Amino acid sequence: MEFKDRIKELRKERDMTQGDLAELLGFKTYTTISKWESGDNLPRGKELKIMANFFNASSDYILGISDTREISKPRPVQLHNPARYDVTIKHANEHNAELIPIVGRIAAGTPTYAEEDIIGYMSLPPDKKKKDDLIYLEVTSDSMDMKFPVGSYVLIDTQTQIENGDVAAVKINGEEVTLKKVKYTDDGLSVMLIPQSHNEDYYPIKVNIEETQLKLIGKAVGMYLSM
């Protein structure tokens, strides 16, 4: 089987569109995937590394060179920056640290994650104890940069009760998860989501609980700041 047919087979096996696979690999559009599947191009080494771990298949199998799929032990990678993740894994192994999943997205309606949402792993901060239901989320917005700068990873406890003044991961109407300081109104009908940013363009949002689909994913309990 040729690479163009093998990659299409693997993609459909995971019920992924060309756009889904492009996003997984950090491409802005699906054009590269389309060229692969038409036989016009081949992946680079770092893309093969990511796909080998994601599809649990050897590079030779993905390229169509071999029909033997299995790899002995998949090595997790941080999909959008493998080099930085390699350093994190090495540090974690040297110190026998616990690894916490980095969750790329959280399904609407549930505070937990599915296996396919995991985009990598990072070590638990040394001052934190391992427990179930801890996840990392990458900070991509400066709306909370007074506490969590862009590029850091916030540690979220999805099972701890969120109280007034806590910083929490929040999803509104099924949209992208956001990180905000949470304050409940006295009547209990609304929640104020308050940014803590040096950027003055951000402002507090008042969310009516009865009129809005609000999901409090979990409380921010720590941070990993990569160097």
C-alpha atoms as a PDB file:
ATOM      1  CA  MET A   1       0.000   0.000   0.000  1.00  0.00           C
ATOM      2  CA  GLU A   2       1.304   3.466  -0.881  1.00  0.00           C
ATOM      3  CA  PHE A   3       1.611   6.305   1.617  1.00  0.00           C
ATOM      4  CA  LYS A   4      -1.283   8.229   0.059  1.00  0.00           C
ATOM      5  CA  ASP A   5      -3.617   5.297   0.644  1.00  0.00           C
ATOM      6  CA  ARG A   6      -2.229   4.395   4.068  1.00  0.00           C
ATOM      7  CA  ILE A   7      -2.603   7.912   5.516  1.00  0.00           C
ATOM      8  CA  LYS A   8      -6.176   8.117   4.235  1.00  0.00           C
ATOM      9  CA  GLU A   9      -6.923   4.741   5.815  1.00  0.00           C
ATOM     10  CA  LEU A  10      -5.465   5.782   9.176  1.00  0.00           C
ATOM     11  CA  ARG A  11      -7.310   9.110   9.110  1.00  0.00           C
ATOM     12  CA  LYS A  12     -10.671   7.481   8.410  1.00  0.00           C
ATOM     13  CA  GLU A  13      -9.978   4.850  11.059  1.00  0.00           C
ATOM     14  CA  ARG A  14     -10.021   7.655  13.641  1.00  0.00           C
ATOM     15  CA  ASP A  15     -13.043   9.294  11.952  1.00  0.00           C
ATOM     16  CA  MET A  16     -10.992  12.391  11.137  1.00  0.00           C
ATOM     17  CA  THR A  17     -11.393  14.857   8.290  1.00  0.00           C
ATOM     18  CA  GLN A  18      -8.384  16.221   6.414  1.00  0.00           C
ATOM     19  CA  GLY A  19      -8.890  19.395   8.446  1.00  0.00           C
ATOM     20  CA  ASP A  20      -8.779  17.450  11.716  1.00  0.00           C
ATOM     21  CA  LEU A  21      -5.473  15.852  10.786  1.00  0.00           C
ATOM     22  CA  ALA A  22      -4.090  19.205   9.647  1.00  0.00           C
ATOM     23  CA  GLU A  23      -5.006  20.745  13.018  1.00  0.00           C
ATOM     24  CA  LEU A  24      -3.389  17.854  14.866  1.00  0.00           C
ATOM     25  CA  LEU A  25      -0.122  18.520  13.032  1.00  0.00           C
ATOM     26  CA  GLY A  26      -0.237  22.300  13.457  1.00  0.00           C
ATOM     27  CA  PHE A  27      -1.082  23.184   9.837  1.00  0.00           C
ATOM     28  CA  LYS A  28      -3.341  26.178   9.220  1.00  0.00           C
ATOM     29  CA  THR A  29      -5.200  24.519   6.328  1.00  0.00           C
ATOM     30  CA  TYR A  30      -5.839  20.994   5.066  1.00  0.00           C
ATOM     31  CA  THR A  31      -3.896  21.637   1.819  1.00  0.00           C
ATOM     32  CA  THR A  32      -0.844  19.622   2.897  1.00  0.00           C
ATOM     33  CA  ILE A  33      -3.005  16.628   3.850  1.00  0.00           C
ATOM     34  CA  SER A  34      -4.794  16.839   0.514  1.00  0.00           C
ATOM     35  CA  LYS A  35      -1.448  16.770  -1.306  1.00  0.00           C
ATOM     36  CA  TRP A  36      -0.360  13.746   0.723  1.00  0.00           C
ATOM     37  CA  GLU A  37      -3.500  11.836  -0.161  1.00  0.00           C
ATOM     38  CA  SER A  38      -3.206  12.697  -3.845  1.00  0.00           C
ATOM     39  CA  GLY A  39       0.374  11.419  -3.898  1.00  0.00           C
ATOM     40  CA  ASP A  40       1.940  14.821  -4.584  1.00  0.00           C
ATOM     41  CA  ASN A  41       3.982  15.085  -1.384  1.00  0.00           C
ATOM     42  CA  LEU A  42       5.349  13.215   1.634  1.00  0.00           C
ATOM     43  CA  PRO A  43       5.538  14.153   5.327  1.00  0.00           C
ATOM     44  CA  ARG A  44       8.646  15.419   7.068  1.00  0.00           C
ATOM     45  CA  GLY A  45      10.321  13.597   9.924  1.00  0.00           C
ATOM     46  CA  LYS A  46       8.646  15.573  12.722  1.00  0.00           C
ATOM     47  CA  GLU A  47       5.216  14.994  11.169  1.00  0.00           C
ATOM     48  CA  LEU A  48       5.902  11.269  10.941  1.00  0.00           C
ATOM     49  CA  LYS A  49       6.921  11.262  14.602  1.00  0.00           C
ATOM     50  CA  ILE A  50       3.655  12.863  15.658  1.00  0.00           C
ATOM     51  CA  MET A  51       1.536  10.559  13.512  1.00  0.00           C
ATOM     52  CA  ALA A  52       3.421   7.459  14.648  1.00  0.00           C
ATOM     53  CA  ASN A  53       2.483   8.198  18.247  1.00  0.00           C
ATOM     54  CA  PHE A  54      -1.049   9.323  17.474  1.00  0.00           C
ATOM     55  CA  PHE A  55      -1.936   6.347  15.258  1.00  0.00           C
ATOM     56  CA  ASN A  56       0.227   3.906  17.232  1.00  0.00           C
ATOM     57  CA  ALA A  57       1.971   2.828  14.037  1.00  0.00           C
ATOM     58  CA  SER A  58       5.566   2.690  12.868  1.00  0.00           C
ATOM     59  CA  SER A  59       6.850   5.251  10.391  1.00  0.00           C
ATOM     60  CA  ASP A  60       7.459   2.474   7.853  1.00  0.00           C
ATOM     61  CA  TYR A  61       3.847   1.385   8.181  1.00  0.00           C
ATOM     62  CA  ILE A  62       2.575   4.939   7.668  1.00  0.00           C
ATOM     63  CA  LEU A  63       4.780   5.385   4.606  1.00  0.00           C
ATOM     64  CA  GLY A  64       3.553   2.107   3.146  1.00  0.00           C
ATOM     65  CA  ILE A  65       7.000   0.493   3.308  1.00  0.00           C
ATOM     66  CA  SER A  66       5.904  -2.193   5.784  1.00  0.00           C
ATOM     67  CA  ASP A  67       2.659  -3.963   6.649  1.00  0.00           C
ATOM     68  CA  THR A  68       3.756  -4.361  10.282  1.00  0.00           C
ATOM     69  CA  ARG A  69       1.952  -1.640  12.159  1.00  0.00           C
ATOM     70  CA  GLU A  70       2.822  -1.972  15.827  1.00  0.00           C
ATOM     71  CA  ILE A  71       5.493  -0.006  17.601  1.00  0.00           C
ATOM     72  CA  SER A  72       6.877  -1.392  20.840  1.00  0.00           C
ATOM     73  CA  LYS A  73       6.009   1.524  23.101  1.00  0.00           C
ATOM     74  CA  PRO A  74       4.499   4.763  21.797  1.00  0.00           C
ATOM     75  CA  ARG A  75       6.302   7.806  23.146  1.00  0.00           C
ATOM     76  CA  PRO A  76       3.973  10.748  23.844  1.00  0.00           C
ATOM     77  CA  VAL A  77       4.780  14.105  22.287  1.00  0.00           C
ATOM     78  CA  GLN A  78       3.479  17.612  22.666  1.00  0.00           C
ATOM     79  CA  LEU A  79       2.020  17.970  19.215  1.00  0.00           C
ATOM     80  CA  HIS A  80       2.721  21.583  18.379  1.00  0.00           C
ATOM     81  CA  ASN A  81       6.205  21.818  19.877  1.00  0.00           C
ATOM     82  CA  PRO A  82       7.932  18.420  20.063  1.00  0.00           C
ATOM     83  CA  ALA A  83      11.340  19.882  20.964  1.00  0.00           C
ATOM     84  CA  ARG A  84      10.098  21.633  24.083  1.00  0.00           C
ATOM     85  CA  TYR A  85       8.154  18.554  25.144  1.00  0.00           C
ATOM     86  CA  ASP A  86      11.217  16.322  24.795  1.00  0.00           C
ATOM     87  CA  VAL A  87      12.940  18.477  27.436  1.00  0.00           C
ATOM     88  CA  THR A  88       9.911  18.220  29.715  1.00  0.00           C
ATOM     89  CA  ILE A  89       9.755  14.441  29.438  1.00  0.00           C
ATOM     90  CA  LYS A  90      13.474  14.099  30.177  1.00  0.00           C
ATOM     91  CA  HIS A  91      13.138  16.303  33.234  1.00  0.00           C
ATOM     92  CA  ALA A  92      10.126  14.346  34.428  1.00  0.00           C
ATOM     93  CA  ASN A  93      11.823  10.974  34.030  1.00  0.00           C
ATOM     94  CA  GLU A  94      14.970  12.086  35.845  1.00  0.00           C
ATOM     95  CA  HIS A  95      12.947  13.152  38.853  1.00  0.00           C
ATOM     96  CA  ASN A  96      10.410  10.304  38.710  1.00  0.00           C
ATOM     97  CA  ALA A  97       7.727  12.925  38.291  1.00  0.00           C
ATOM     98  CA  GLU A  98       4.084  12.212  37.563  1.00  0.00           C
ATOM     99  CA  LEU A  99       2.841  13.075  34.083  1.00  0.00           C
ATOM    100  CA  ILE A 100      -0.397  14.991  33.587  1.00  0.00           C
ATOM    101  CA  PRO A 101      -2.258  15.070  30.251  1.00  0.00           C
ATOM    102  CA  ILE A 102      -2.393  18.250  28.200  1.00  0.00           C
ATOM    103  CA  VAL A 103      -5.955  18.480  26.917  1.00  0.00           C
ATOM    104  CA  GLY A 104      -6.405  20.245  23.606  1.00  0.00           C
ATOM    105  CA  ARG A 105     -10.162  20.565  23.894  1.00  0.00           C
ATOM    106  CA  ILE A 106     -12.908  19.534  26.280  1.00  0.00           C
ATOM    107  CA  ALA A 107     -16.128  18.042  24.961  1.00  0.00           C
ATOM    108  CA  ALA A 108     -19.265  20.125  25.498  1.00  0.00           C
ATOM    109  CA  GLY A 109     -21.315  19.103  28.495  1.00  0.00           C
ATOM    110  CA  THR A 110     -18.656  17.240  30.472  1.00  0.00           C
ATOM    111  CA  PRO A 111     -15.745  18.359  32.661  1.00  0.00           C
ATOM    112  CA  THR A 112     -13.683  15.278  31.862  1.00  0.00           C
ATOM    113  CA  TYR A 113     -11.528  14.503  28.847  1.00  0.00           C
ATOM    114  CA  ALA A 114     -11.503  11.732  26.281  1.00  0.00           C
ATOM    115  CA  GLU A 115      -8.353   9.957  25.149  1.00  0.00           C
ATOM    116  CA  GLU A 116      -8.521  11.569  21.717  1.00  0.00           C
ATOM    117  CA  ASP A 117      -8.450  15.050  23.307  1.00  0.00           C
ATOM    118  CA  ILE A 118      -4.984  14.538  24.794  1.00  0.00           C
ATOM    119  CA  ILE A 119      -2.245  16.314  22.829  1.00  0.00           C
ATOM    120  CA  GLY A 120       0.660  15.421  25.107  1.00  0.00           C
ATOM    121  CA  TYR A 121       1.852  15.151  28.700  1.00  0.00           C
ATOM    122  CA  MET A 122       3.838  17.304  31.111  1.00  0.00           C
ATOM    123  CA  SER A 123       5.232  16.762  34.550  1.00  0.00           C
ATOM    124  CA  LEU A 124       3.338  17.679  37.682  1.00  0.00           C
ATOM    125  CA  PRO A 125       4.764  20.737  39.495  1.00  0.00           C
ATOM    126  CA  PRO A 126       6.937  19.549  42.397  1.00  0.00           C
ATOM    127  CA  ASP A 127       4.752  21.265  44.984  1.00  0.00           C
ATOM    128  CA  LYS A 128       1.606  19.407  43.856  1.00  0.00           C
ATOM    129  CA  LYS A 129       0.444  15.911  44.732  1.00  0.00           C
ATOM    130  CA  LYS A 130      -0.800  13.510  42.068  1.00  0.00           C
ATOM    131  CA  LYS A 131      -4.548  12.943  42.061  1.00  0.00           C
ATOM    132  CA  ASP A 132      -7.155  11.879  39.563  1.00  0.00           C
ATOM    133  CA  ASP A 133      -8.859  14.399  37.277  1.00  0.00           C
ATOM    134  CA  LEU A 134      -5.915  16.799  36.909  1.00  0.00           C
ATOM    135  CA  ILE A 135      -5.351  18.194  33.419  1.00  0.00           C
ATOM    136  CA  TYR A 136      -3.234  20.889  31.786  1.00  0.00           C
ATOM    137  CA  LEU A 137      -4.595  23.541  29.427  1.00  0.00           C
ATOM    138  CA  GLU A 138      -2.293  25.720  27.346  1.00  0.00           C
ATOM    139  CA  VAL A 139      -2.855  29.461  27.856  1.00  0.00           C
ATOM    140  CA  THR A 140      -3.324  31.075  24.435  1.00  0.00           C
ATOM    141  CA  SER A 141      -4.968  34.355  25.469  1.00  0.00           C
ATOM    142  CA  ASP A 142      -3.605  37.303  27.466  1.00  0.00           C
ATOM    143  CA  SER A 143      -6.892  37.822  29.319  1.00  0.00           C
ATOM    144  CA  MET A 144      -5.316  36.422  32.526  1.00  0.00           C
ATOM    145  CA  ASP A 145      -1.683  37.355  31.931  1.00  0.00           C
ATOM    146  CA  MET A 146      -1.280  38.903  35.387  1.00  0.00           C
ATOM    147  CA  LYS A 147      -1.347  35.331  36.705  1.00  0.00           C
ATOM    148  CA  PHE A 148      -0.978  33.031  33.706  1.00  0.00           C
ATOM    149  CA  PRO A 149       1.129  34.371  30.817  1.00  0.00           C
ATOM    150  CA  VAL A 150       0.539  33.291  27.239  1.00  0.00           C
ATOM    151  CA  GLY A 151       2.431  30.060  26.530  1.00  0.00           C
ATOM    152  CA  SER A 152       2.169  28.753  30.080  1.00  0.00           C
ATOM    153  CA  TYR A 153       0.195  25.651  31.022  1.00  0.00           C
ATOM    154  CA  VAL A 154      -2.401  26.001  33.745  1.00  0.00           C
ATOM    155  CA  LEU A 155      -3.052  22.971  35.943  1.00  0.00           C
ATOM    156  CA  ILE A 156      -6.795  22.369  36.305  1.00  0.00           C
ATOM    157  CA  ASP A 157      -8.480  20.266  38.995  1.00  0.00           C
ATOM    158  CA  THR A 158     -11.771  19.169  37.416  1.00  0.00           C
ATOM    159  CA  GLN A 159     -13.214  17.814  40.666  1.00  0.00           C
ATOM    160  CA  THR A 160     -12.592  20.655  43.135  1.00  0.00           C
ATOM    161  CA  GLN A 161     -15.507  22.943  43.976  1.00  0.00           C
ATOM    162  CA  ILE A 162     -15.107  26.413  42.494  1.00  0.00           C
ATOM    163  CA  GLU A 163     -15.698  29.202  45.000  1.00  0.00           C
ATOM    164  CA  ASN A 164     -15.851  33.003  44.817  1.00  0.00           C
ATOM    165  CA  GLY A 165     -12.530  34.443  43.754  1.00  0.00           C
ATOM    166  CA  ASP A 166     -11.166  31.229  42.256  1.00  0.00           C
ATOM    167  CA  VAL A 167      -9.654  31.211  38.783  1.00  0.00           C
ATOM    168  CA  ALA A 168     -11.378  28.568  36.687  1.00  0.00           C
ATOM    169  CA  ALA A 169     -11.529  27.111  33.193  1.00  0.00           C
ATOM    170  CA  VAL A 170     -14.957  27.986  31.839  1.00  0.00           C
ATOM    171  CA  LYS A 171     -16.904  27.112  28.705  1.00  0.00           C
ATOM    172  CA  ILE A 172     -19.848  29.281  27.566  1.00  0.00           C
ATOM    173  CA  ASN A 173     -22.441  27.955  25.105  1.00  0.00           C
ATOM    174  CA  GLY A 174     -20.090  25.216  23.942  1.00  0.00           C
ATOM    175  CA  GLU A 175     -17.436  27.661  22.741  1.00  0.00           C
ATOM    176  CA  GLU A 176     -13.688  27.562  23.400  1.00  0.00           C
ATOM    177  CA  VAL A 177     -12.591  27.131  26.996  1.00  0.00           C
ATOM    178  CA  THR A 178     -11.541  30.371  28.654  1.00  0.00           C
ATOM    179  CA  LEU A 179      -9.709  31.099  31.888  1.00  0.00           C
ATOM    180  CA  LYS A 180     -11.295  33.693  34.203  1.00  0.00           C
ATOM    181  CA  LYS A 181     -11.700  34.709  37.837  1.00  0.00           C
ATOM    182  CA  VAL A 182     -15.150  33.598  38.999  1.00  0.00           C
ATOM    183  CA  LYS A 183     -17.474  35.597  41.235  1.00  0.00           C
ATOM    184  CA  TYR A 184     -21.056  34.565  41.955  1.00  0.00           C
ATOM    185  CA  THR A 185     -23.706  37.264  42.329  1.00  0.00           C
ATOM    186  CA  ASP A 186     -25.564  37.489  45.643  1.00  0.00           C
ATOM    187  CA  ASP A 187     -28.836  36.246  44.130  1.00  0.00           C
ATOM    188  CA  GLY A 188     -27.123  33.137  42.778  1.00  0.00           C
ATOM    189  CA  LEU A 189     -28.570  33.679  39.308  1.00  0.00           C
ATOM    190  CA  SER A 190     -25.466  34.979  37.580  1.00  0.00           C
ATOM    191  CA  VAL A 191     -21.710  34.557  37.496  1.00  0.00           C
ATOM    192  CA  MET A 192     -19.187  37.309  36.833  1.00  0.00           C
ATOM    193  CA  LEU A 193     -16.217  36.187  34.746  1.00  0.00           C
ATOM    194  CA  ILE A 194     -13.419  38.628  35.488  1.00  0.00           C
ATOM    195  CA  PRO A 195     -10.190  38.958  33.468  1.00  0.00           C
ATOM    196  CA  GLN A 196      -6.919  39.809  35.182  1.00  0.00           C
ATOM    197  CA  SER A 197      -4.942  41.279  32.348  1.00  0.00           C
ATOM    198  CA  HIS A 198      -2.534  44.078  31.499  1.00  0.00           C
ATOM    199  CA  ASN A 199      -4.578  44.438  28.304  1.00  0.00           C
ATOM    200  CA  GLU A 200      -7.359  46.942  29.015  1.00  0.00           C
ATOM    201  CA  ASP A 201      -9.458  45.657  26.112  1.00  0.00           C
ATOM    202  CA  TYR A 202     -10.744  42.839  28.319  1.00  0.00           C
ATOM    203  CA  TYR A 203     -13.697  43.490  30.590  1.00  0.00           C
ATOM    204  CA  PRO A 204     -15.834  41.454  33.045  1.00  0.00           C
ATOM    205  CA  ILE A 205     -18.707  39.428  31.614  1.00  0.00           C
ATOM    206  CA  LYS A 206     -21.915  38.775  33.516  1.00  0.00           C
ATOM    207  CA  VAL A 207     -23.419  35.395  32.646  1.00  0.00           C
ATOM    208  CA  ASN A 208     -27.030  34.538  33.551  1.00  0.00           C
ATOM    209  CA  ILE A 209     -26.995  30.895  34.602  1.00  0.00           C
ATOM    210  CA  GLU A 210     -30.622  30.287  33.582  1.00  0.00           C
ATOM    211  CA  GLU A 211     -30.224  31.783  30.109  1.00  0.00           C
ATOM    212  CA  THR A 212     -26.714  30.624  29.217  1.00  0.00           C
ATOM    213  CA  GLN A 213     -25.090  27.218  28.936  1.00  0.00           C
ATOM    214  CA  LEU A 214     -22.265  27.664  31.416  1.00  0.00           C
ATOM    215  CA  LYS A 215     -19.844  24.865  32.226  1.00  0.00           C
ATOM    216  CA  LEU A 216     -17.263  25.349  34.972  1.00  0.00           C
ATOM    217  CA  ILE A 217     -14.593  22.899  33.838  1.00  0.00           C
ATOM    218  CA  GLY A 218     -12.358  23.105  36.877  1.00  0.00           C
ATOM    219  CA  LYS A 219     -10.282  25.213  39.247  1.00  0.00           C
ATOM    220  CA  ALA A 220      -6.792  26.468  38.409  1.00  0.00           C
ATOM    221  CA  VAL A 221      -4.470  25.001  41.038  1.00  0.00           C
ATOM    222  CA  GLY A 222      -1.025  25.453  39.510  1.00  0.00           C
ATOM    223  CA  MET A 223       1.029  26.374  36.466  1.00  0.00           C
ATOM    224  CA  TYR A 224       3.873  25.018  34.374  1.00  0.00           C
ATOM    225  CA  LEU A 225       5.883  27.825  32.803  1.00  0.00           C
ATOM    226  CA  SER A 226       8.238  26.497  30.138  1.00  0.00           C
ATOM    227  CA  MET A 227      11.617  28.157  29.730  1.00  0.00           C
END
